[in-house]
Amino acid sequence: KSQGGLLPTVRLDRLDGDQVELGVTSGPCLINFWATWCQPCRAEMASLNRLFNDFRPKGLGVLAISVDEDIHLVREFLLQLPLSFPILLDPGGNRARKDYGIIGYPTTFLVARNAEIKEIWVGERNWDTSAVRVACEALCQI
């Protein structure tokens, strides 16, 4: 998928067993594709959690889609670093590759309320930076 396009409608399982349908009802949100074996993914999770906690009152959602084959590794990671946002599961990353065109981790989509993909960021981010926060603030205004 590309910037300016619409987020594909995909149904994924949550770590807690519920299902979530991504698509029209997803925005405004950040959708982060990650894995426990990806060191940059692990490194950015604490700042992503702070961003979510700061922007949740403004309506910003965060979803982290794990491509780990073994959900026990995801559960183990969350024992070390509890996260406030939902974790979705895409074991092996098949949906990430096929539906979202993900080729590297972490990759994060900034999605507007109308499901338009505003930005795609590939690689580790410091979610505490002012540039990131300005982009998220703008996303909440759309």
Protein backbone atom coordinates (compact mmCIF):
# COMPACT_ATOMS: atom_id res chain seq x y z
CA LYS A 1 0.00 0.00 0.00
CA SER A 2 1.09 3.56 -0.46
CA GLN A 3 0.72 6.98 1.05
CA GLY A 4 -2.59 8.53 -0.02
CA GLY A 5 -4.21 5.12 -0.53
CA LEU A 6 -6.82 3.56 1.73
CA LEU A 7 -6.00 1.08 4.46
CA PRO A 8 -7.01 -2.42 3.32
CA THR A 9 -9.86 -4.02 5.23
CA VAL A 10 -8.40 -6.99 7.10
CA ARG A 11 -9.64 -8.99 10.07
CA LEU A 12 -6.97 -10.05 12.59
CA ASP A 13 -6.98 -11.79 15.95
CA ARG A 14 -6.01 -9.84 19.05
CA LEU A 15 -3.64 -11.37 21.56
CA ASP A 16 -6.55 -11.45 24.04
CA GLY A 17 -8.62 -13.57 21.64
CA ASP A 18 -10.99 -10.93 20.23
CA GLN A 19 -10.94 -10.00 16.56
CA VAL A 20 -10.36 -6.57 15.07
CA GLU A 21 -11.26 -5.40 11.59
CA LEU A 22 -8.83 -2.85 10.23
CA GLY A 23 -10.10 -0.50 7.58
CA VAL A 24 -12.67 2.25 7.57
CA THR A 25 -13.12 2.27 11.34
CA SER A 26 -9.39 2.26 12.15
CA GLY A 27 -8.46 5.94 12.08
CA PRO A 28 -7.03 8.11 13.33
CA CYS A 29 -4.38 5.64 14.33
CA LEU A 30 -0.87 4.36 14.05
CA ILE A 31 -0.52 0.77 12.94
CA ASN A 32 2.87 -0.64 13.82
CA PHE A 33 4.13 -3.90 12.27
CA TRP A 34 6.73 -5.50 14.53
CA ALA A 35 8.27 -8.72 15.87
CA THR A 36 9.94 -9.77 19.11
CA TRP A 37 13.02 -10.92 17.15
CA CYS A 38 13.41 -7.41 15.66
CA GLN A 39 15.70 -5.39 17.95
CA PRO A 40 14.66 -1.96 16.52
CA CYS A 41 11.01 -2.97 17.03
CA ARG A 42 11.66 -3.82 20.67
CA ALA A 43 13.62 -0.61 21.17
CA GLU A 44 10.80 1.68 20.02
CA MET A 45 7.95 0.09 21.97
CA ALA A 46 8.37 2.08 25.21
CA SER A 47 8.23 5.44 23.40
CA LEU A 48 5.32 4.22 21.24
CA ASN A 49 3.45 3.36 24.44
CA ARG A 50 4.12 6.85 25.84
CA LEU A 51 2.84 8.39 22.60
CA PHE A 52 -0.35 6.32 22.81
CA ASN A 53 -0.95 7.27 26.44
CA ASP A 54 -0.41 10.97 25.64
CA PHE A 55 -2.61 11.02 22.51
CA ARG A 56 -5.35 8.56 23.49
CA PRO A 57 -7.43 11.41 25.01
CA LYS A 58 -7.26 13.18 21.63
CA GLY A 59 -8.68 10.12 19.88
CA LEU A 60 -5.49 8.56 18.49
CA GLY A 61 -5.39 4.79 18.46
CA VAL A 62 -2.32 2.58 18.25
CA LEU A 63 -2.37 -1.02 17.07
CA ALA A 64 0.75 -3.18 17.05
CA ILE A 65 0.62 -6.11 14.66
CA SER A 66 3.07 -8.83 15.64
CA VAL A 67 4.37 -11.07 12.86
CA ASP A 68 5.88 -13.55 15.33
CA GLU A 69 5.15 -17.21 14.59
CA ASP A 70 5.01 -18.01 18.32
CA ILE A 71 2.55 -15.93 20.34
CA HIS A 72 4.25 -17.11 23.53
CA LEU A 73 7.21 -14.90 22.60
CA VAL A 74 4.82 -11.95 22.32
CA ARG A 75 3.29 -12.73 25.72
CA GLU A 76 6.81 -13.02 27.22
CA PHE A 77 7.80 -9.63 25.77
CA LEU A 78 4.67 -8.03 27.25
CA LEU A 79 5.57 -9.38 30.69
CA GLN A 80 8.83 -7.43 30.43
CA LEU A 81 7.22 -4.32 28.91
CA PRO A 82 3.45 -4.07 29.43
CA LEU A 83 1.80 -2.04 26.66
CA SER A 84 -1.46 -0.07 26.84
CA PHE A 85 -2.49 -0.56 23.21
CA PRO A 86 -3.89 -3.70 21.56
CA ILE A 87 -1.57 -6.31 20.06
CA LEU A 88 -2.86 -8.00 16.91
CA LEU A 89 -1.48 -11.22 15.48
CA ASP A 90 -0.28 -11.98 11.96
CA PRO A 91 1.76 -15.16 12.51
CA GLY A 92 4.53 -15.28 9.91
CA GLY A 93 3.60 -11.87 8.52
CA ASN A 94 1.61 -13.16 5.56
CA ARG A 95 -1.08 -10.45 5.78
CA ALA A 96 1.60 -7.79 6.42
CA ARG A 97 3.36 -8.70 3.17
CA LYS A 98 0.32 -9.45 1.02
CA ASP A 99 -2.17 -6.82 2.16
CA TYR A 100 0.14 -4.03 3.35
CA GLY A 101 3.29 -4.52 1.27
CA ILE A 102 5.52 -4.66 4.36
CA ILE A 103 9.11 -5.56 3.51
CA GLY A 104 10.91 -4.54 6.71
CA TYR A 105 10.28 -4.13 10.41
CA PRO A 106 9.27 -2.02 12.12
CA THR A 107 6.94 -0.28 9.67
CA THR A 108 4.28 2.12 10.91
CA PHE A 109 1.27 3.50 9.04
CA LEU A 110 -0.25 6.80 10.10
CA VAL A 111 -3.92 6.48 9.19
CA ALA A 112 -6.54 9.24 9.12
CA ARG A 113 -10.12 8.85 10.34
CA ASN A 114 -11.30 8.10 6.77
CA ALA A 115 -8.78 5.19 6.50
CA GLU A 116 -6.45 7.20 4.25
CA ILE A 117 -2.80 6.31 4.76
CA LYS A 118 -1.16 9.66 5.52
CA GLU A 119 2.39 8.45 6.05
CA ILE A 120 4.39 5.23 6.09
CA TRP A 121 7.46 5.18 8.30
CA VAL A 122 9.94 2.34 7.84
CA GLY A 123 12.47 1.72 10.59
CA GLU A 124 12.77 2.50 14.27
CA ARG A 125 11.34 5.80 15.51
CA ASN A 126 11.71 7.75 18.67
CA TRP A 127 8.03 8.42 19.29
CA ASP A 128 8.91 11.16 21.79
CA THR A 129 10.30 13.59 19.17
CA SER A 130 8.45 16.80 18.40
CA ALA A 131 8.24 15.98 14.65
CA VAL A 132 6.39 12.73 15.39
CA ARG A 133 4.10 14.43 17.89
CA VAL A 134 3.28 17.24 15.44
CA ALA A 135 2.34 14.61 12.82
CA CYS A 136 0.13 12.81 15.34
CA GLU A 137 -1.49 16.05 16.46
CA ALA A 138 -2.31 16.84 12.81
CA LEU A 139 -3.69 13.33 12.34
CA CYS A 140 -6.10 13.84 15.24
CA GLN A 141 -7.38 17.11 13.66
CA ILE A 142 -8.29 15.58 10.30
